[in-house]
Amino acid sequence: QYCHVGVVTPGGCTQVEDGILLSIRVTPRGSKEGIGGRWTDSEGRPALIVRVSAPPVEGAANAAVEKLVAKAFGVRPRDVTVEAGATSRQKRLRIVGNTYNLAAKANELLEGTP
């Protein structure tokens, strides 16, 4: 399992009071949008793979990520925000909602194939 309760982990997913914090790896300008699977950085930290067709220009890719992640997690787009890494491929998202359900979905997606 990648989603942990109460502690901010260096990667993956962390359950917090109002939802979860989720590490993601974004591929902008993809030919196909999708979400799922695990990417691991050089230090062994996991992140959810997210592919969007939007270019990384003027926040377009971030907006597309928020919308795609919201749909995958069954929350409103305004409940997903980029907390860190706005100009990077590696980002940390805050997803607001039922912590248990969000954590379960994060674990499912991290285990899935992109």
N, C-alpha and C. Protein backbone atom coordinates (compact mmCIF):
# COMPACT_ATOMS: atom_id res chain seq x y z
N GLN A 1 0.82 -1.18 0.00
CA GLN A 1 0.00 0.00 0.00
C GLN A 1 0.86 1.25 0.00
N TYR A 2 0.41 2.26 -0.71
CA TYR A 2 1.17 3.49 -0.86
C TYR A 2 0.57 4.66 -0.09
N CYS A 3 -0.67 4.54 0.33
CA CYS A 3 -1.32 5.65 1.01
C CYS A 3 -1.25 5.42 2.51
N HIS A 4 -0.58 6.32 3.21
CA HIS A 4 -0.34 6.19 4.65
C HIS A 4 -1.14 7.23 5.42
N VAL A 5 -1.51 6.89 6.63
CA VAL A 5 -2.31 7.78 7.46
C VAL A 5 -1.43 8.74 8.25
N GLY A 6 -1.73 10.03 8.15
CA GLY A 6 -1.19 11.02 9.07
C GLY A 6 0.23 11.49 8.89
N VAL A 7 1.07 10.79 8.15
CA VAL A 7 2.45 11.24 7.99
C VAL A 7 2.69 11.57 6.53
N VAL A 8 3.42 12.64 6.30
CA VAL A 8 3.75 13.00 4.92
C VAL A 8 4.92 12.12 4.50
N THR A 9 4.65 11.26 3.54
CA THR A 9 5.68 10.35 3.05
C THR A 9 6.42 11.02 1.91
N PRO A 10 7.64 10.57 1.62
CA PRO A 10 8.41 11.19 0.56
C PRO A 10 7.87 10.91 -0.83
N GLY A 11 6.90 10.06 -0.96
CA GLY A 11 6.32 9.78 -2.27
C GLY A 11 5.05 8.99 -2.12
N GLY A 12 4.34 8.83 -3.20
CA GLY A 12 3.09 8.08 -3.13
C GLY A 12 1.95 8.93 -2.64
N CYS A 13 1.35 8.50 -1.56
CA CYS A 13 0.11 9.09 -1.09
C CYS A 13 0.12 9.20 0.42
N THR A 14 -0.43 10.29 0.93
CA THR A 14 -0.53 10.51 2.37
C THR A 14 -1.96 10.92 2.71
N GLN A 15 -2.57 10.24 3.68
CA GLN A 15 -3.90 10.62 4.13
C GLN A 15 -3.77 11.80 5.08
N VAL A 16 -4.56 12.85 4.83
CA VAL A 16 -4.60 14.02 5.69
C VAL A 16 -6.05 14.25 6.11
N GLU A 17 -6.26 15.21 6.99
CA GLU A 17 -7.58 15.43 7.58
C GLU A 17 -8.70 15.62 6.55
N ASP A 18 -8.42 16.39 5.49
CA ASP A 18 -9.50 16.70 4.53
C ASP A 18 -9.43 15.89 3.24
N GLY A 19 -8.55 14.88 3.18
CA GLY A 19 -8.43 14.09 1.96
C GLY A 19 -7.08 13.41 1.88
N ILE A 20 -6.41 13.57 0.73
CA ILE A 20 -5.08 12.97 0.57
C ILE A 20 -4.14 13.94 -0.14
N LEU A 21 -2.85 13.71 0.05
CA LEU A 21 -1.80 14.34 -0.74
C LEU A 21 -1.25 13.24 -1.62
N LEU A 22 -1.14 13.49 -2.91
CA LEU A 22 -0.75 12.47 -3.86
C LEU A 22 0.39 12.96 -4.75
N SER A 23 1.46 12.17 -4.82
CA SER A 23 2.57 12.48 -5.71
C SER A 23 2.25 11.91 -7.08
N ILE A 24 2.47 12.74 -8.12
CA ILE A 24 2.21 12.29 -9.48
C ILE A 24 3.39 12.63 -10.38
N ARG A 25 3.48 11.93 -11.50
CA ARG A 25 4.46 12.21 -12.55
C ARG A 25 3.64 12.46 -13.82
N VAL A 26 3.76 13.66 -14.37
CA VAL A 26 2.93 14.09 -15.50
C VAL A 26 3.71 14.02 -16.81
N THR A 27 3.04 13.50 -17.83
CA THR A 27 3.55 13.56 -19.20
C THR A 27 2.60 14.45 -19.98
N PRO A 28 3.01 15.70 -20.27
CA PRO A 28 2.16 16.59 -21.07
C PRO A 28 2.29 16.28 -22.56
N ARG A 29 1.39 16.85 -23.34
CA ARG A 29 1.39 16.68 -24.80
C ARG A 29 1.33 15.22 -25.23
N GLY A 30 0.65 14.40 -24.45
CA GLY A 30 0.52 12.99 -24.81
C GLY A 30 -0.49 12.80 -25.92
N SER A 31 -0.32 11.74 -26.68
CA SER A 31 -1.29 11.46 -27.74
C SER A 31 -2.57 10.89 -27.15
N LYS A 32 -2.47 10.34 -25.92
CA LYS A 32 -3.62 9.75 -25.26
C LYS A 32 -3.59 10.14 -23.78
N GLU A 33 -4.73 10.59 -23.26
CA GLU A 33 -4.80 10.92 -21.84
C GLU A 33 -5.07 9.66 -21.04
N GLY A 34 -4.49 9.61 -19.85
CA GLY A 34 -4.72 8.45 -19.00
C GLY A 34 -4.12 8.63 -17.63
N ILE A 35 -4.54 7.78 -16.72
CA ILE A 35 -4.06 7.84 -15.35
C ILE A 35 -3.95 6.41 -14.83
N GLY A 36 -2.85 6.11 -14.18
CA GLY A 36 -2.67 4.78 -13.59
C GLY A 36 -1.27 4.27 -13.77
N GLY A 37 -0.85 3.47 -12.84
CA GLY A 37 0.49 2.91 -12.85
C GLY A 37 1.41 3.70 -11.94
N ARG A 38 2.53 3.10 -11.64
CA ARG A 38 3.47 3.71 -10.71
C ARG A 38 4.78 4.02 -11.40
N TRP A 39 5.26 5.23 -11.18
CA TRP A 39 6.59 5.66 -11.62
C TRP A 39 7.42 5.82 -10.36
N THR A 40 8.68 5.43 -10.42
CA THR A 40 9.56 5.55 -9.26
C THR A 40 10.76 6.39 -9.64
N ASP A 41 11.08 7.40 -8.82
CA ASP A 41 12.22 8.26 -9.12
C ASP A 41 13.52 7.57 -8.72
N SER A 42 14.65 8.24 -8.95
CA SER A 42 15.96 7.65 -8.69
C SER A 42 16.21 7.35 -7.22
N GLU A 43 15.41 7.94 -6.34
CA GLU A 43 15.54 7.68 -4.90
C GLU A 43 14.51 6.69 -4.39
N GLY A 44 13.77 6.06 -5.31
CA GLY A 44 12.82 5.04 -4.93
C GLY A 44 11.46 5.53 -4.49
N ARG A 45 11.16 6.81 -4.69
CA ARG A 45 9.86 7.36 -4.27
C ARG A 45 8.83 7.14 -5.37
N PRO A 46 7.66 6.55 -5.02
CA PRO A 46 6.64 6.28 -6.03
C PRO A 46 5.77 7.50 -6.33
N ALA A 47 5.25 7.52 -7.53
CA ALA A 47 4.30 8.56 -7.94
C ALA A 47 3.33 7.95 -8.94
N LEU A 48 2.11 8.46 -8.94
CA LEU A 48 1.09 8.02 -9.89
C LEU A 48 1.38 8.63 -11.26
N ILE A 49 1.27 7.83 -12.30
CA ILE A 49 1.51 8.31 -13.67
C ILE A 49 0.23 8.95 -14.21
N VAL A 50 0.38 10.18 -14.72
CA VAL A 50 -0.75 10.91 -15.32
C VAL A 50 -0.30 11.45 -16.68
N ARG A 51 -1.06 11.12 -17.74
CA ARG A 51 -0.75 11.62 -19.08
C ARG A 51 -1.88 12.53 -19.54
N VAL A 52 -1.52 13.72 -20.01
CA VAL A 52 -2.52 14.66 -20.53
C VAL A 52 -2.09 15.14 -21.91
N SER A 53 -3.06 15.54 -22.72
CA SER A 53 -2.75 16.01 -24.07
C SER A 53 -2.38 17.49 -24.09
N ALA A 54 -2.72 18.21 -23.04
CA ALA A 54 -2.45 19.65 -22.98
C ALA A 54 -0.95 19.93 -22.88
N PRO A 55 -0.50 21.04 -23.50
CA PRO A 55 0.91 21.41 -23.40
C PRO A 55 1.21 22.06 -22.04
N PRO A 56 2.47 22.01 -21.62
CA PRO A 56 2.84 22.63 -20.34
C PRO A 56 3.05 24.13 -20.48
N VAL A 57 2.02 24.82 -20.94
CA VAL A 57 2.10 26.25 -21.20
C VAL A 57 0.98 26.97 -20.45
N GLU A 58 1.35 28.00 -19.70
CA GLU A 58 0.40 28.85 -18.99
C GLU A 58 -0.62 28.06 -18.16
N GLY A 59 -0.17 26.99 -17.52
CA GLY A 59 -1.03 26.23 -16.63
C GLY A 59 -2.00 25.28 -17.30
N ALA A 60 -1.92 25.14 -18.61
CA ALA A 60 -2.87 24.28 -19.32
C ALA A 60 -2.74 22.82 -18.89
N ALA A 61 -1.52 22.33 -18.76
CA ALA A 61 -1.32 20.94 -18.35
C ALA A 61 -1.80 20.73 -16.91
N ASN A 62 -1.52 21.68 -16.02
CA ASN A 62 -1.98 21.56 -14.63
C ASN A 62 -3.50 21.51 -14.56
N ALA A 63 -4.17 22.35 -15.33
CA ALA A 63 -5.63 22.35 -15.35
C ALA A 63 -6.16 21.01 -15.86
N ALA A 64 -5.51 20.47 -16.90
CA ALA A 64 -5.92 19.18 -17.45
C ALA A 64 -5.69 18.06 -16.43
N VAL A 65 -4.58 18.13 -15.70
CA VAL A 65 -4.29 17.14 -14.66
C VAL A 65 -5.37 17.19 -13.58
N GLU A 66 -5.70 18.38 -13.11
CA GLU A 66 -6.70 18.52 -12.06
C GLU A 66 -8.04 17.94 -12.50
N LYS A 67 -8.42 18.21 -13.73
CA LYS A 67 -9.69 17.72 -14.26
C LYS A 67 -9.69 16.20 -14.41
N LEU A 68 -8.61 15.65 -14.94
CA LEU A 68 -8.51 14.21 -15.16
C LEU A 68 -8.46 13.45 -13.83
N VAL A 69 -7.69 13.96 -12.88
CA VAL A 69 -7.58 13.32 -11.56
C VAL A 69 -8.92 13.40 -10.83
N ALA A 70 -9.60 14.54 -10.93
CA ALA A 70 -10.91 14.69 -10.29
C ALA A 70 -11.88 13.64 -10.82
N LYS A 71 -11.89 13.44 -12.11
CA LYS A 71 -12.79 12.45 -12.72
C LYS A 71 -12.44 11.05 -12.22
N ALA A 72 -11.15 10.72 -12.19
CA ALA A 72 -10.72 9.39 -11.76
C ALA A 72 -11.07 9.11 -10.30
N PHE A 73 -11.02 10.15 -9.46
CA PHE A 73 -11.28 9.98 -8.02
C PHE A 73 -12.73 10.27 -7.64
N GLY A 74 -13.55 10.69 -8.61
CA GLY A 74 -14.96 10.94 -8.34
C GLY A 74 -15.22 12.17 -7.48
N VAL A 75 -14.38 13.20 -7.66
CA VAL A 75 -14.57 14.45 -6.92
C VAL A 75 -14.72 15.60 -7.91
N ARG A 76 -15.07 16.77 -7.41
CA ARG A 76 -15.20 17.95 -8.28
C ARG A 76 -13.80 18.45 -8.65
N PRO A 77 -13.63 19.02 -9.85
CA PRO A 77 -12.32 19.55 -10.24
C PRO A 77 -11.75 20.55 -9.24
N ARG A 78 -12.61 21.33 -8.59
CA ARG A 78 -12.11 22.31 -7.62
C ARG A 78 -11.56 21.65 -6.35
N ASP A 79 -11.84 20.35 -6.18
CA ASP A 79 -11.33 19.62 -5.02
C ASP A 79 -9.93 19.05 -5.24
N VAL A 80 -9.38 19.28 -6.43
CA VAL A 80 -8.02 18.83 -6.75
C VAL A 80 -7.17 20.05 -7.03
N THR A 81 -6.08 20.22 -6.29
CA THR A 81 -5.19 21.36 -6.50
C THR A 81 -3.73 20.91 -6.48
N VAL A 82 -2.92 21.59 -7.28
CA VAL A 82 -1.48 21.34 -7.29
C VAL A 82 -0.89 22.08 -6.10
N GLU A 83 -0.34 21.33 -5.15
CA GLU A 83 0.26 21.93 -3.95
C GLU A 83 1.74 22.24 -4.15
N ALA A 84 2.41 21.42 -4.94
CA ALA A 84 3.85 21.60 -5.17
C ALA A 84 4.19 21.10 -6.57
N GLY A 85 5.17 21.73 -7.19
CA GLY A 85 5.64 21.29 -8.49
C GLY A 85 4.86 21.84 -9.66
N ALA A 86 4.31 23.03 -9.53
CA ALA A 86 3.46 23.60 -10.60
C ALA A 86 4.18 23.66 -11.94
N THR A 87 5.49 23.85 -11.95
CA THR A 87 6.23 23.95 -13.21
C THR A 87 7.08 22.72 -13.49
N SER A 88 6.85 21.66 -12.76
CA SER A 88 7.64 20.43 -12.88
C SER A 88 6.77 19.28 -13.34
N ARG A 89 7.38 18.23 -13.88
CA ARG A 89 6.63 17.02 -14.21
C ARG A 89 6.22 16.27 -12.95
N GLN A 90 7.01 16.40 -11.90
CA GLN A 90 6.67 15.78 -10.63
C GLN A 90 5.90 16.78 -9.79
N LYS A 91 4.72 16.38 -9.36
CA LYS A 91 3.83 17.29 -8.64
C LYS A 91 3.27 16.60 -7.40
N ARG A 92 2.78 17.41 -6.50
CA ARG A 92 2.07 16.90 -5.32
C ARG A 92 0.69 17.56 -5.35
N LEU A 93 -0.34 16.71 -5.38
CA LEU A 93 -1.72 17.18 -5.44
C LEU A 93 -2.39 17.03 -4.09
N ARG A 94 -3.29 17.94 -3.77
CA ARG A 94 -4.20 17.77 -2.64
C ARG A 94 -5.56 17.44 -3.25
N ILE A 95 -6.12 16.33 -2.80
CA ILE A 95 -7.45 15.92 -3.24
C ILE A 95 -8.35 15.91 -2.01
N VAL A 96 -9.38 16.74 -2.03
CA VAL A 96 -10.27 16.90 -0.88
C VAL A 96 -11.47 15.96 -1.04
N GLY A 97 -11.78 15.24 0.03
CA GLY A 97 -12.93 14.34 0.02
C GLY A 97 -12.80 13.31 1.12
N ASN A 98 -13.55 12.23 0.98
CA ASN A 98 -13.52 11.14 1.96
C ASN A 98 -12.14 10.48 1.92
N THR A 99 -11.41 10.63 3.01
CA THR A 99 -10.02 10.16 3.06
C THR A 99 -9.90 8.68 2.75
N TYR A 100 -10.76 7.87 3.33
CA TYR A 100 -10.69 6.42 3.13
C TYR A 100 -10.90 6.06 1.66
N ASN A 101 -11.95 6.60 1.05
CA ASN A 101 -12.25 6.29 -0.36
C ASN A 101 -11.16 6.78 -1.30
N LEU A 102 -10.64 7.99 -1.03
CA LEU A 102 -9.58 8.54 -1.88
C LEU A 102 -8.30 7.71 -1.77
N ALA A 103 -7.96 7.29 -0.55
CA ALA A 103 -6.76 6.47 -0.34
C ALA A 103 -6.90 5.13 -1.05
N ALA A 104 -8.08 4.52 -0.97
CA ALA A 104 -8.31 3.24 -1.64
C ALA A 104 -8.16 3.40 -3.14
N LYS A 105 -8.71 4.48 -3.71
CA LYS A 105 -8.60 4.72 -5.15
C LYS A 105 -7.15 4.98 -5.55
N ALA A 106 -6.42 5.74 -4.73
CA ALA A 106 -5.01 6.01 -5.01
C ALA A 106 -4.21 4.71 -5.05
N ASN A 107 -4.44 3.84 -4.07
CA ASN A 107 -3.72 2.55 -4.05
C ASN A 107 -4.07 1.71 -5.28
N GLU A 108 -5.32 1.73 -5.67
CA GLU A 108 -5.77 0.99 -6.86
C GLU A 108 -5.07 1.52 -8.11
N LEU A 109 -5.05 2.83 -8.28
CA LEU A 109 -4.44 3.43 -9.46
C LEU A 109 -2.92 3.25 -9.48
N LEU A 110 -2.29 3.34 -8.33
CA LEU A 110 -0.84 3.14 -8.26
C LEU A 110 -0.44 1.73 -8.63
N GLU A 111 -1.33 0.78 -8.42
CA GLU A 111 -1.05 -0.62 -8.78
C GLU A 111 -1.44 -0.94 -10.22
N GLY A 112 -2.23 -0.06 -10.84
CA GLY A 112 -2.73 -0.32 -12.19
C GLY A 112 -1.68 -0.06 -13.26
N THR A 113 -2.04 -0.39 -14.48
CA THR A 113 -1.18 -0.12 -15.61
C THR A 113 -1.64 1.11 -16.33
N PRO A 114 -0.71 1.92 -16.79
CA PRO A 114 -1.09 3.18 -17.46
C PRO A 114 -1.77 2.94 -18.79
